[in-house]
Amino acid sequence: MAAAIGIGIDVLEPTGNMVIDIGGGTSEIAVIALGGIVNNTSIRIAGDDFNADIEEYMRKEHNINIGERTAERIKIEVGAAIDELDNPPDEYEVLGRDMLTGIPKGIKVNYTEIAQCLDKSISKIEAAVLNALENTPPELSADIYRTGIYLVGGGSMLRGLDKRLHLKTKLSVHVAEDPLRAVARGTGIALKNFDKFTFLIK
């Protein structure tokens, strides 16, 4: 709800809106209308899982050990949800420890590799989105068809994720402006307009 307020959705309107917040530990999928959450799904697949996937991929495919911070860097520099991007990033040099010799080494990875290694986790998010759409009341489904899906949270910044969800759902998918701060911004707005949003305070 805070994310929806933070990206400028009028949550008090009867119109249904779907917001997906892909954070570090969980992905939250909610359909919001009339100041309430009509349908809410939470799955434990998010940014941290993307990092773990990258760490495992580097071990299995390149025999190189990396830490979580390096995996996060790879995700930022060459992370992608699809293997065909209009503006692909350059290859990225990864520094880690060779699993056979124990000696530090560097190798270059590209976005198509990372898209493949993240595929399984992203497929689980796609399945949760489809499930949430299936459980949405028909009238609100019609609204979502018109308004599309809104993505917030750090995970929403993964290259091509909006396009992949669009291909899966056939709905328009919008990545929020400054998606990392959407929840904080929405919380601030709700607190400043306390009377309007008293229903959020429980």
N, C-alpha and C. Protein backbone atom coordinates (compact mmCIF):
# COMPACT_ATOMS: atom_id res chain seq x y z
N MET A 1 0.83 -1.20 0.00
CA MET A 1 0.00 0.00 0.00
C MET A 1 0.86 1.25 0.00
N ALA A 2 1.92 1.24 0.82
CA ALA A 2 2.83 2.38 0.88
C ALA A 2 3.50 2.60 -0.47
N ALA A 3 3.88 1.49 -1.13
CA ALA A 3 4.52 1.60 -2.45
C ALA A 3 3.57 2.23 -3.45
N ALA A 4 2.30 1.81 -3.41
CA ALA A 4 1.30 2.35 -4.33
C ALA A 4 1.14 3.86 -4.13
N ILE A 5 1.06 4.28 -2.88
CA ILE A 5 0.96 5.71 -2.57
C ILE A 5 2.22 6.43 -3.06
N GLY A 6 3.36 5.80 -2.84
CA GLY A 6 4.65 6.40 -3.20
C GLY A 6 4.85 6.62 -4.68
N ILE A 7 4.17 5.82 -5.53
CA ILE A 7 4.34 6.01 -6.97
C ILE A 7 3.17 6.79 -7.58
N GLY A 8 2.33 7.34 -6.71
CA GLY A 8 1.29 8.26 -7.19
C GLY A 8 -0.06 7.66 -7.50
N ILE A 9 -0.28 6.40 -7.14
CA ILE A 9 -1.59 5.79 -7.36
C ILE A 9 -2.57 6.31 -6.30
N ASP A 10 -3.77 6.68 -6.72
CA ASP A 10 -4.80 7.09 -5.77
C ASP A 10 -5.47 5.83 -5.22
N VAL A 11 -4.98 5.38 -4.07
CA VAL A 11 -5.43 4.09 -3.52
C VAL A 11 -6.87 4.14 -3.00
N LEU A 12 -7.44 5.35 -2.87
CA LEU A 12 -8.80 5.48 -2.38
C LEU A 12 -9.85 5.32 -3.49
N GLU A 13 -9.39 5.35 -4.73
CA GLU A 13 -10.30 5.19 -5.87
C GLU A 13 -10.80 3.74 -5.96
N PRO A 14 -11.97 3.52 -6.56
CA PRO A 14 -12.47 2.14 -6.71
C PRO A 14 -11.73 1.34 -7.78
N THR A 15 -10.88 2.03 -8.54
CA THR A 15 -10.14 1.35 -9.62
C THR A 15 -9.11 0.37 -9.04
N GLY A 16 -9.02 -0.81 -9.64
CA GLY A 16 -8.05 -1.81 -9.19
C GLY A 16 -6.68 -1.56 -9.80
N ASN A 17 -5.64 -1.69 -8.99
CA ASN A 17 -4.26 -1.56 -9.45
C ASN A 17 -3.43 -2.71 -8.89
N MET A 18 -2.54 -3.26 -9.72
CA MET A 18 -1.64 -4.32 -9.23
C MET A 18 -0.24 -3.73 -9.05
N VAL A 19 0.30 -3.92 -7.85
CA VAL A 19 1.65 -3.44 -7.53
C VAL A 19 2.50 -4.63 -7.12
N ILE A 20 3.69 -4.75 -7.72
CA ILE A 20 4.63 -5.82 -7.36
C ILE A 20 5.87 -5.18 -6.77
N ASP A 21 6.17 -5.53 -5.53
CA ASP A 21 7.34 -4.99 -4.83
C ASP A 21 8.38 -6.12 -4.70
N ILE A 22 9.44 -6.03 -5.49
CA ILE A 22 10.50 -7.05 -5.45
C ILE A 22 11.63 -6.51 -4.59
N GLY A 23 11.68 -6.97 -3.35
CA GLY A 23 12.67 -6.46 -2.41
C GLY A 23 13.90 -7.34 -2.34
N GLY A 24 14.49 -7.42 -1.14
CA GLY A 24 15.67 -8.25 -0.96
C GLY A 24 15.30 -9.69 -0.63
N GLY A 25 14.38 -9.87 0.34
CA GLY A 25 14.03 -11.20 0.80
C GLY A 25 12.73 -11.75 0.25
N THR A 26 11.80 -10.86 -0.09
CA THR A 26 10.49 -11.32 -0.57
C THR A 26 10.00 -10.46 -1.74
N SER A 27 9.09 -11.04 -2.51
CA SER A 27 8.37 -10.30 -3.55
C SER A 27 6.90 -10.27 -3.12
N GLU A 28 6.36 -9.06 -3.04
CA GLU A 28 4.96 -8.87 -2.63
C GLU A 28 4.14 -8.45 -3.85
N ILE A 29 3.04 -9.16 -4.06
CA ILE A 29 2.16 -8.85 -5.18
C ILE A 29 0.79 -8.51 -4.61
N ALA A 30 0.32 -7.29 -4.87
CA ALA A 30 -0.95 -6.88 -4.28
C ALA A 30 -1.85 -6.21 -5.30
N VAL A 31 -3.15 -6.49 -5.18
CA VAL A 31 -4.16 -5.76 -5.94
C VAL A 31 -4.86 -4.83 -4.96
N ILE A 32 -4.84 -3.54 -5.30
CA ILE A 32 -5.32 -2.50 -4.38
C ILE A 32 -6.51 -1.77 -5.00
N ALA A 33 -7.55 -1.55 -4.18
CA ALA A 33 -8.71 -0.76 -4.62
C ALA A 33 -9.46 -0.27 -3.39
N LEU A 34 -10.03 0.90 -3.48
CA LEU A 34 -10.86 1.48 -2.40
C LEU A 34 -10.12 1.49 -1.05
N GLY A 35 -8.84 1.81 -1.09
CA GLY A 35 -8.08 1.93 0.16
C GLY A 35 -7.79 0.61 0.84
N GLY A 36 -7.98 -0.48 0.13
CA GLY A 36 -7.72 -1.79 0.75
C GLY A 36 -6.96 -2.71 -0.20
N ILE A 37 -6.37 -3.75 0.40
CA ILE A 37 -5.68 -4.76 -0.40
C ILE A 37 -6.67 -5.89 -0.66
N VAL A 38 -7.06 -6.03 -1.92
CA VAL A 38 -8.08 -7.01 -2.30
C VAL A 38 -7.46 -8.40 -2.37
N ASN A 39 -6.23 -8.45 -2.82
CA ASN A 39 -5.57 -9.73 -3.05
C ASN A 39 -4.08 -9.53 -2.81
N ASN A 40 -3.49 -10.36 -1.95
CA ASN A 40 -2.08 -10.17 -1.60
C ASN A 40 -1.35 -11.51 -1.64
N THR A 41 -0.23 -11.54 -2.35
CA THR A 41 0.60 -12.74 -2.44
C THR A 41 2.02 -12.38 -2.07
N SER A 42 2.66 -13.20 -1.26
CA SER A 42 4.06 -12.96 -0.89
C SER A 42 4.85 -14.24 -1.12
N ILE A 43 5.96 -14.11 -1.86
CA ILE A 43 6.82 -15.28 -2.07
C ILE A 43 8.25 -14.93 -1.66
N ARG A 44 8.96 -15.94 -1.19
CA ARG A 44 10.31 -15.73 -0.69
C ARG A 44 11.35 -15.89 -1.82
N ILE A 45 11.07 -15.21 -2.91
CA ILE A 45 12.01 -15.16 -4.04
C ILE A 45 12.18 -13.69 -4.39
N ALA A 46 13.42 -13.19 -4.29
CA ALA A 46 13.64 -11.76 -4.55
C ALA A 46 15.13 -11.52 -4.81
N GLY A 47 15.57 -10.31 -4.55
CA GLY A 47 16.93 -9.90 -4.89
C GLY A 47 18.02 -10.77 -4.30
N ASP A 48 17.84 -11.20 -3.04
CA ASP A 48 18.86 -12.05 -2.41
C ASP A 48 19.00 -13.39 -3.12
N ASP A 49 17.87 -13.89 -3.63
CA ASP A 49 17.90 -15.16 -4.38
C ASP A 49 18.62 -14.98 -5.71
N PHE A 50 18.45 -13.81 -6.32
CA PHE A 50 19.17 -13.52 -7.56
C PHE A 50 20.68 -13.58 -7.29
N ASN A 51 21.10 -12.98 -6.17
CA ASN A 51 22.53 -13.00 -5.82
C ASN A 51 23.03 -14.43 -5.61
N ALA A 52 22.23 -15.22 -4.90
CA ALA A 52 22.61 -16.62 -4.62
C ALA A 52 22.71 -17.41 -5.93
N ASP A 53 21.78 -17.15 -6.86
CA ASP A 53 21.82 -17.82 -8.17
C ASP A 53 23.12 -17.49 -8.91
N ILE A 54 23.52 -16.22 -8.84
CA ILE A 54 24.74 -15.78 -9.53
C ILE A 54 25.97 -16.43 -8.89
N GLU A 55 26.01 -16.49 -7.55
CA GLU A 55 27.13 -17.14 -6.86
C GLU A 55 27.26 -18.60 -7.30
N GLU A 56 26.11 -19.30 -7.31
CA GLU A 56 26.11 -20.72 -7.68
C GLU A 56 26.54 -20.90 -9.14
N TYR A 57 26.05 -20.02 -10.01
CA TYR A 57 26.40 -20.10 -11.44
C TYR A 57 27.91 -19.92 -11.63
N MET A 58 28.51 -18.96 -10.92
CA MET A 58 29.95 -18.71 -11.07
C MET A 58 30.77 -19.92 -10.61
N ARG A 59 30.27 -20.59 -9.57
CA ARG A 59 30.96 -21.81 -9.09
C ARG A 59 30.86 -22.94 -10.11
N LYS A 60 29.64 -23.18 -10.59
CA LYS A 60 29.40 -24.33 -11.48
C LYS A 60 29.96 -24.13 -12.88
N GLU A 61 29.79 -22.94 -13.44
CA GLU A 61 30.15 -22.72 -14.84
C GLU A 61 31.58 -22.21 -15.02
N HIS A 62 32.08 -21.48 -14.03
CA HIS A 62 33.40 -20.85 -14.21
C HIS A 62 34.43 -21.27 -13.15
N ASN A 63 34.03 -22.18 -12.25
CA ASN A 63 34.94 -22.66 -11.19
C ASN A 63 35.58 -21.51 -10.42
N ILE A 64 34.75 -20.53 -10.09
CA ILE A 64 35.27 -19.37 -9.37
C ILE A 64 34.34 -19.07 -8.19
N ASN A 65 34.95 -18.85 -7.04
CA ASN A 65 34.20 -18.50 -5.84
C ASN A 65 34.10 -16.99 -5.71
N ILE A 66 32.89 -16.50 -5.53
CA ILE A 66 32.70 -15.06 -5.29
C ILE A 66 31.83 -14.88 -4.05
N GLY A 67 31.84 -13.70 -3.49
CA GLY A 67 31.00 -13.40 -2.34
C GLY A 67 29.70 -12.72 -2.74
N GLU A 68 28.86 -12.49 -1.74
CA GLU A 68 27.55 -11.90 -2.01
C GLU A 68 27.67 -10.49 -2.59
N ARG A 69 28.65 -9.75 -2.10
CA ARG A 69 28.82 -8.37 -2.57
C ARG A 69 29.19 -8.34 -4.05
N THR A 70 30.05 -9.27 -4.46
CA THR A 70 30.42 -9.37 -5.89
C THR A 70 29.23 -9.80 -6.73
N ALA A 71 28.43 -10.75 -6.20
CA ALA A 71 27.23 -11.20 -6.92
C ALA A 71 26.26 -10.03 -7.12
N GLU A 72 26.11 -9.20 -6.10
CA GLU A 72 25.25 -8.01 -6.18
C GLU A 72 25.76 -7.06 -7.27
N ARG A 73 27.09 -6.92 -7.33
CA ARG A 73 27.70 -6.04 -8.33
C ARG A 73 27.45 -6.57 -9.75
N ILE A 74 27.58 -7.89 -9.91
CA ILE A 74 27.31 -8.51 -11.21
C ILE A 74 25.86 -8.25 -11.62
N LYS A 75 24.96 -8.41 -10.65
CA LYS A 75 23.52 -8.20 -10.93
C LYS A 75 23.27 -6.77 -11.40
N ILE A 76 23.94 -5.81 -10.77
CA ILE A 76 23.76 -4.41 -11.14
C ILE A 76 24.38 -4.12 -12.51
N GLU A 77 25.58 -4.65 -12.74
CA GLU A 77 26.32 -4.32 -13.96
C GLU A 77 25.81 -5.05 -15.20
N VAL A 78 25.52 -6.35 -15.07
CA VAL A 78 25.09 -7.13 -16.25
C VAL A 78 23.87 -8.00 -15.99
N GLY A 79 23.15 -7.76 -14.90
CA GLY A 79 21.97 -8.56 -14.60
C GLY A 79 20.87 -8.31 -15.62
N ALA A 80 20.14 -9.37 -15.98
CA ALA A 80 19.05 -9.24 -16.94
C ALA A 80 18.05 -10.38 -16.74
N ALA A 81 16.80 -10.11 -17.14
CA ALA A 81 15.75 -11.12 -17.03
C ALA A 81 15.49 -11.81 -18.37
N ILE A 82 15.98 -11.20 -19.45
CA ILE A 82 15.81 -11.78 -20.79
C ILE A 82 17.15 -11.74 -21.52
N ASP A 83 17.32 -12.63 -22.49
CA ASP A 83 18.62 -12.69 -23.15
C ASP A 83 18.67 -11.92 -24.47
N GLU A 84 17.68 -11.06 -24.69
CA GLU A 84 17.72 -10.15 -25.85
C GLU A 84 17.31 -8.76 -25.39
N LEU A 85 18.30 -7.90 -25.19
CA LEU A 85 18.05 -6.53 -24.74
C LEU A 85 18.32 -5.55 -25.86
N ASP A 86 17.54 -4.47 -25.89
CA ASP A 86 17.75 -3.43 -26.90
C ASP A 86 19.06 -2.67 -26.66
N ASN A 87 19.35 -2.41 -25.38
CA ASN A 87 20.60 -1.71 -25.05
C ASN A 87 21.41 -2.56 -24.08
N PRO A 88 22.07 -3.61 -24.59
CA PRO A 88 22.78 -4.52 -23.69
C PRO A 88 24.00 -3.87 -23.03
N PRO A 89 24.27 -4.23 -21.76
CA PRO A 89 25.45 -3.70 -21.08
C PRO A 89 26.71 -4.39 -21.59
N ASP A 90 27.85 -3.74 -21.42
CA ASP A 90 29.14 -4.35 -21.79
C ASP A 90 29.43 -5.53 -20.88
N GLU A 91 30.34 -6.38 -21.33
CA GLU A 91 30.80 -7.48 -20.48
C GLU A 91 31.39 -6.92 -19.20
N TYR A 92 31.33 -7.72 -18.14
CA TYR A 92 31.82 -7.26 -16.83
C TYR A 92 32.87 -8.24 -16.32
N GLU A 93 33.99 -7.70 -15.87
CA GLU A 93 35.05 -8.57 -15.35
C GLU A 93 34.78 -8.90 -13.88
N VAL A 94 34.71 -10.18 -13.60
CA VAL A 94 34.45 -10.67 -12.24
C VAL A 94 35.77 -11.16 -11.64
N LEU A 95 36.05 -10.69 -10.43
CA LEU A 95 37.25 -11.13 -9.73
C LEU A 95 36.84 -12.05 -8.59
N GLY A 96 37.49 -13.21 -8.51
CA GLY A 96 37.17 -14.16 -7.45
C GLY A 96 38.31 -15.14 -7.24
N ARG A 97 38.02 -16.22 -6.54
CA ARG A 97 39.06 -17.21 -6.24
C ARG A 97 38.82 -18.47 -7.05
N ASP A 98 39.85 -18.89 -7.76
CA ASP A 98 39.78 -20.12 -8.56
C ASP A 98 39.57 -21.30 -7.62
N MET A 99 38.54 -22.10 -7.87
CA MET A 99 38.21 -23.22 -6.98
C MET A 99 39.22 -24.36 -7.07
N LEU A 100 39.95 -24.45 -8.19
CA LEU A 100 40.93 -25.53 -8.36
C LEU A 100 42.30 -25.18 -7.77
N THR A 101 42.73 -23.93 -8.00
CA THR A 101 44.08 -23.55 -7.56
C THR A 101 44.08 -22.73 -6.27
N GLY A 102 42.93 -22.12 -5.96
CA GLY A 102 42.87 -21.23 -4.79
C GLY A 102 43.46 -19.86 -5.06
N ILE A 103 43.89 -19.63 -6.30
CA ILE A 103 44.53 -18.35 -6.66
C ILE A 103 43.47 -17.39 -7.21
N PRO A 104 43.56 -16.10 -6.82
CA PRO A 104 42.61 -15.13 -7.38
C PRO A 104 42.71 -15.05 -8.90
N LYS A 105 41.54 -14.89 -9.56
CA LYS A 105 41.55 -14.74 -11.01
C LYS A 105 40.35 -13.89 -11.45
N GLY A 106 40.42 -13.43 -12.68
CA GLY A 106 39.33 -12.63 -13.23
C GLY A 106 38.79 -13.26 -14.50
N ILE A 107 37.47 -13.21 -14.65
CA ILE A 107 36.86 -13.69 -15.90
C ILE A 107 35.77 -12.69 -16.31
N LYS A 108 35.43 -12.69 -17.59
CA LYS A 108 34.39 -11.77 -18.06
C LYS A 108 33.08 -12.52 -18.25
N VAL A 109 32.00 -11.87 -17.81
CA VAL A 109 30.67 -12.46 -17.99
C VAL A 109 29.79 -11.46 -18.75
N ASN A 110 28.78 -11.99 -19.44
CA ASN A 110 27.86 -11.10 -20.17
C ASN A 110 26.43 -11.28 -19.65
N TYR A 111 25.57 -10.39 -20.09
CA TYR A 111 24.21 -10.36 -19.56
C TYR A 111 23.40 -11.60 -19.93
N THR A 112 23.69 -12.23 -21.09
CA THR A 112 22.91 -13.41 -21.48
C THR A 112 23.16 -14.57 -20.52
N GLU A 113 24.40 -14.70 -20.04
CA GLU A 113 24.72 -15.73 -19.04
C GLU A 113 23.90 -15.52 -17.77
N ILE A 114 23.87 -14.26 -17.32
CA ILE A 114 23.18 -13.95 -16.06
C ILE A 114 21.67 -14.13 -16.23
N ALA A 115 21.15 -13.78 -17.39
CA ALA A 115 19.72 -13.99 -17.66
C ALA A 115 19.37 -15.48 -17.54
N GLN A 116 20.25 -16.33 -18.06
CA GLN A 116 20.01 -17.78 -17.98
C GLN A 116 20.06 -18.28 -16.54
N CYS A 117 21.01 -17.77 -15.77
CA CYS A 117 21.15 -18.28 -14.40
C CYS A 117 20.04 -17.76 -13.47
N LEU A 118 19.40 -16.65 -13.85
CA LEU A 118 18.30 -16.10 -13.04
C LEU A 118 16.93 -16.62 -13.47
N ASP A 119 16.91 -17.38 -14.56
CA ASP A 119 15.64 -17.78 -15.17
C ASP A 119 14.71 -18.51 -14.21
N LYS A 120 15.26 -19.45 -13.43
CA LYS A 120 14.41 -20.26 -12.55
C LYS A 120 13.72 -19.41 -11.48
N SER A 121 14.48 -18.49 -10.88
CA SER A 121 13.89 -17.64 -9.84
C SER A 121 12.85 -16.69 -10.42
N ILE A 122 13.15 -16.13 -11.59
CA ILE A 122 12.19 -15.21 -12.22
C ILE A 122 10.92 -15.94 -12.63
N SER A 123 11.06 -17.20 -13.05
CA SER A 123 9.89 -18.00 -13.42
C SER A 123 8.95 -18.17 -12.22
N LYS A 124 9.51 -18.27 -11.02
CA LYS A 124 8.68 -18.41 -9.80
C LYS A 124 7.92 -17.12 -9.53
N ILE A 125 8.56 -15.98 -9.79
CA ILE A 125 7.86 -14.69 -9.63
C ILE A 125 6.75 -14.58 -10.67
N GLU A 126 7.04 -15.00 -11.90
CA GLU A 126 6.01 -14.99 -12.95
C GLU A 126 4.80 -15.84 -12.56
N ALA A 127 5.07 -17.03 -12.01
CA ALA A 127 3.98 -17.93 -11.61
C ALA A 127 3.13 -17.29 -10.52
N ALA A 128 3.78 -16.59 -9.58
CA ALA A 128 3.05 -15.93 -8.49
C ALA A 128 2.19 -14.79 -9.03
N VAL A 129 2.70 -14.07 -10.02
CA VAL A 129 1.94 -12.98 -10.64
C VAL A 129 0.71 -13.54 -11.35
N LEU A 130 0.89 -14.62 -12.11
CA LEU A 130 -0.24 -15.24 -12.81
C LEU A 130 -1.28 -15.75 -11.83
N ASN A 131 -0.81 -16.31 -10.72
CA ASN A 131 -1.72 -16.81 -9.68
C ASN A 131 -2.53 -15.65 -9.07
N ALA A 132 -1.84 -14.54 -8.82
CA ALA A 132 -2.52 -13.36 -8.25
C ALA A 132 -3.57 -12.83 -9.23
N LEU A 133 -3.25 -12.82 -10.51
CA LEU A 133 -4.21 -12.35 -11.52
C LEU A 133 -5.42 -13.28 -11.59
N GLU A 134 -5.18 -14.58 -11.46
CA GLU A 134 -6.28 -15.56 -11.49
C GLU A 134 -7.24 -15.36 -10.32
N ASN A 135 -6.70 -14.91 -9.18
CA ASN A 135 -7.52 -14.76 -7.97
C ASN A 135 -8.07 -13.34 -7.78
N THR A 136 -7.96 -12.53 -8.82
CA THR A 136 -8.47 -11.15 -8.75
C THR A 136 -9.91 -11.11 -9.24
N PRO A 137 -10.81 -10.40 -8.53
CA PRO A 137 -12.20 -10.30 -8.99
C PRO A 137 -12.28 -9.75 -10.41
N PRO A 138 -13.25 -10.24 -11.21
CA PRO A 138 -13.34 -9.87 -12.63
C PRO A 138 -13.36 -8.36 -12.90
N GLU A 139 -14.11 -7.58 -12.08
CA GLU A 139 -14.20 -6.14 -12.31
C GLU A 139 -12.83 -5.48 -12.16
N LEU A 140 -12.07 -5.94 -11.16
CA LEU A 140 -10.75 -5.36 -10.95
C LEU A 140 -9.77 -5.86 -12.00
N SER A 141 -9.98 -7.06 -12.51
CA SER A 141 -9.15 -7.57 -13.61
C SER A 141 -9.27 -6.65 -14.82
N ALA A 142 -10.49 -6.17 -15.07
CA ALA A 142 -10.71 -5.25 -16.20
C ALA A 142 -9.93 -3.96 -15.99
N ASP A 143 -9.90 -3.49 -14.73
CA ASP A 143 -9.13 -2.27 -14.41
C ASP A 143 -7.64 -2.50 -14.67
N ILE A 144 -7.13 -3.65 -14.22
CA ILE A 144 -5.70 -3.95 -14.36
C ILE A 144 -5.34 -4.08 -15.84
N TYR A 145 -6.28 -4.58 -16.64
CA TYR A 145 -6.04 -4.65 -18.09
C TYR A 145 -5.79 -3.26 -18.65
N ARG A 146 -6.53 -2.27 -18.11
CA ARG A 146 -6.38 -0.89 -18.59
C ARG A 146 -5.15 -0.21 -17.99
N THR A 147 -4.92 -0.41 -16.68
CA THR A 147 -3.85 0.34 -16.00
C THR A 147 -2.50 -0.36 -16.06
N GLY A 148 -2.52 -1.68 -16.20
CA GLY A 148 -1.27 -2.44 -16.23
C GLY A 148 -0.75 -2.80 -14.85
N ILE A 149 0.48 -3.25 -14.81
CA ILE A 149 1.14 -3.69 -13.57
C ILE A 149 2.25 -2.70 -13.23
N TYR A 150 2.38 -2.37 -11.95
CA TYR A 150 3.43 -1.45 -11.50
C TYR A 150 4.50 -2.21 -10.73
N LEU A 151 5.76 -1.99 -11.10
CA LEU A 151 6.89 -2.65 -10.43
C LEU A 151 7.64 -1.65 -9.56
N VAL A 152 7.89 -2.05 -8.30
CA VAL A 152 8.71 -1.24 -7.39
C VAL A 152 9.73 -2.14 -6.70
N GLY A 153 10.60 -1.54 -5.91
CA GLY A 153 11.62 -2.31 -5.20
C GLY A 153 12.88 -2.46 -6.04
N GLY A 154 13.98 -2.79 -5.38
CA GLY A 154 15.27 -2.92 -6.06
C GLY A 154 15.27 -3.94 -7.17
N GLY A 155 14.55 -5.06 -6.98
CA GLY A 155 14.52 -6.12 -7.98
C GLY A 155 13.86 -5.72 -9.28
N SER A 156 13.00 -4.69 -9.21
CA SER A 156 12.30 -4.24 -10.41
C SER A 156 13.25 -3.57 -11.40
N MET A 157 14.47 -3.22 -10.92
CA MET A 157 15.44 -2.54 -11.77
C MET A 157 16.23 -3.52 -12.65
N LEU A 158 15.98 -4.81 -12.50
CA LEU A 158 16.66 -5.82 -13.32
C LEU A 158 16.29 -5.61 -14.79
N ARG A 159 17.29 -5.49 -15.62
CA ARG A 159 17.05 -5.21 -17.05
C ARG A 159 16.10 -6.24 -17.67
N GLY A 160 15.10 -5.73 -18.38
CA GLY A 160 14.21 -6.61 -19.14
C GLY A 160 13.13 -7.31 -18.33
N LEU A 161 13.09 -7.08 -17.02
CA LEU A 161 12.06 -7.76 -16.21
C LEU A 161 10.66 -7.29 -16.60
N ASP A 162 10.52 -6.00 -16.85
CA ASP A 162 9.22 -5.46 -17.27
C ASP A 162 8.77 -6.08 -18.60
N LYS A 163 9.72 -6.23 -19.52
CA LYS A 163 9.39 -6.82 -20.83
C LYS A 163 9.00 -8.29 -20.67
N ARG A 164 9.74 -9.01 -19.81
CA ARG A 164 9.44 -10.43 -19.62
C ARG A 164 8.05 -10.62 -19.00
N LEU A 165 7.71 -9.80 -18.02
CA LEU A 165 6.38 -9.90 -17.40
C LEU A 165 5.28 -9.50 -18.39
N HIS A 166 5.61 -8.55 -19.25
CA HIS A 166 4.64 -8.15 -20.29
C HIS A 166 4.38 -9.32 -21.24
N LEU A 167 5.45 -10.00 -21.66
CA LEU A 167 5.29 -11.14 -22.57
C LEU A 167 4.49 -12.27 -21.92
N LYS A 168 4.66 -12.43 -20.61
CA LYS A 168 3.98 -13.52 -19.89
C LYS A 168 2.50 -13.20 -19.65
N THR A 169 2.20 -11.94 -19.31
CA THR A 169 0.84 -11.56 -18.91
C THR A 169 0.04 -10.87 -20.02
N LYS A 170 0.76 -10.38 -21.05
CA LYS A 170 0.16 -9.58 -22.13
C LYS A 170 -0.41 -8.25 -21.59
N LEU A 171 0.03 -7.84 -20.41
CA LEU A 171 -0.39 -6.56 -19.83
C LEU A 171 0.75 -5.57 -19.92
N SER A 172 0.41 -4.28 -19.90
CA SER A 172 1.48 -3.28 -19.86
C SER A 172 2.11 -3.31 -18.47
N VAL A 173 3.43 -3.17 -18.42
CA VAL A 173 4.17 -3.23 -17.15
C VAL A 173 5.00 -1.96 -17.02
N HIS A 174 4.81 -1.25 -15.89
CA HIS A 174 5.50 0.01 -15.67
C HIS A 174 6.48 -0.12 -14.50
N VAL A 175 7.74 0.23 -14.74
CA VAL A 175 8.70 0.30 -13.63
C VAL A 175 8.58 1.71 -13.04
N ALA A 176 8.34 1.78 -11.74
CA ALA A 176 8.16 3.07 -11.08
C ALA A 176 9.43 3.92 -11.18
N GLU A 177 9.24 5.22 -11.19
CA GLU A 177 10.37 6.12 -11.13
C GLU A 177 10.97 6.02 -9.73
N ASP A 178 12.28 5.88 -9.64
CA ASP A 178 12.97 5.71 -8.35
C ASP A 178 12.32 4.59 -7.53
N PRO A 179 12.30 3.35 -8.08
CA PRO A 179 11.57 2.25 -7.43
C PRO A 179 12.10 1.86 -6.05
N LEU A 180 13.39 2.14 -5.80
CA LEU A 180 13.97 1.78 -4.50
C LEU A 180 13.34 2.54 -3.34
N ARG A 181 12.92 3.77 -3.60
CA ARG A 181 12.41 4.62 -2.51
C ARG A 181 10.89 4.74 -2.48
N ALA A 182 10.21 3.94 -3.32
CA ALA A 182 8.75 4.07 -3.42
C ALA A 182 8.05 3.85 -2.08
N VAL A 183 8.45 2.82 -1.35
CA VAL A 183 7.80 2.50 -0.07
C VAL A 183 8.05 3.60 0.95
N ALA A 184 9.31 4.06 1.03
CA ALA A 184 9.65 5.12 1.99
C ALA A 184 8.89 6.41 1.64
N ARG A 185 8.81 6.70 0.34
CA ARG A 185 8.12 7.91 -0.09
C ARG A 185 6.63 7.81 0.25
N GLY A 186 6.04 6.65 -0.02
CA GLY A 186 4.62 6.46 0.28
C GLY A 186 4.32 6.54 1.77
N THR A 187 5.21 5.99 2.58
CA THR A 187 5.04 6.07 4.05
C THR A 187 5.06 7.52 4.49
N GLY A 188 5.98 8.30 3.93
CA GLY A 188 6.08 9.73 4.26
C GLY A 188 4.81 10.48 3.89
N ILE A 189 4.29 10.20 2.70
CA ILE A 189 3.05 10.86 2.25
C ILE A 189 1.89 10.50 3.17
N ALA A 190 1.81 9.21 3.54
CA ALA A 190 0.72 8.75 4.42
C ALA A 190 0.79 9.43 5.78
N LEU A 191 2.00 9.59 6.31
CA LEU A 191 2.16 10.23 7.62
C LEU A 191 1.84 11.73 7.57
N LYS A 192 2.20 12.36 6.44
CA LYS A 192 1.91 13.79 6.29
C LYS A 192 0.42 14.04 6.13
N ASN A 193 -0.28 13.06 5.54
CA ASN A 193 -1.73 13.18 5.33
C ASN A 193 -2.46 12.16 6.22
N PHE A 194 -2.14 12.22 7.49
CA PHE A 194 -2.59 11.22 8.46
C PHE A 194 -4.11 11.02 8.42
N ASP A 195 -4.87 12.12 8.35
CA ASP A 195 -6.34 12.03 8.38
C ASP A 195 -6.88 11.24 7.18
N LYS A 196 -6.25 11.46 6.02
CA LYS A 196 -6.70 10.81 4.79
C LYS A 196 -6.41 9.31 4.81
N PHE A 197 -5.29 8.95 5.46
CA PHE A 197 -4.85 7.55 5.41
C PHE A 197 -4.90 6.85 6.77
N THR A 198 -5.83 7.26 7.63
CA THR A 198 -5.91 6.64 8.97
C THR A 198 -6.18 5.13 8.88
N PHE A 199 -6.83 4.70 7.79
CA PHE A 199 -7.13 3.27 7.63
C PHE A 199 -5.86 2.43 7.54
N LEU A 200 -4.72 3.04 7.21
CA LEU A 200 -3.47 2.29 7.10
C LEU A 200 -2.85 2.02 8.46
N ILE A 201 -3.19 2.82 9.46
CA ILE A 201 -2.58 2.69 10.78
C ILE A 201 -3.40 1.70 11.60
N LYS A 202 -2.81 0.56 11.88
CA LYS A 202 -3.54 -0.47 12.63
C LYS A 202 -2.78 -0.80 13.90
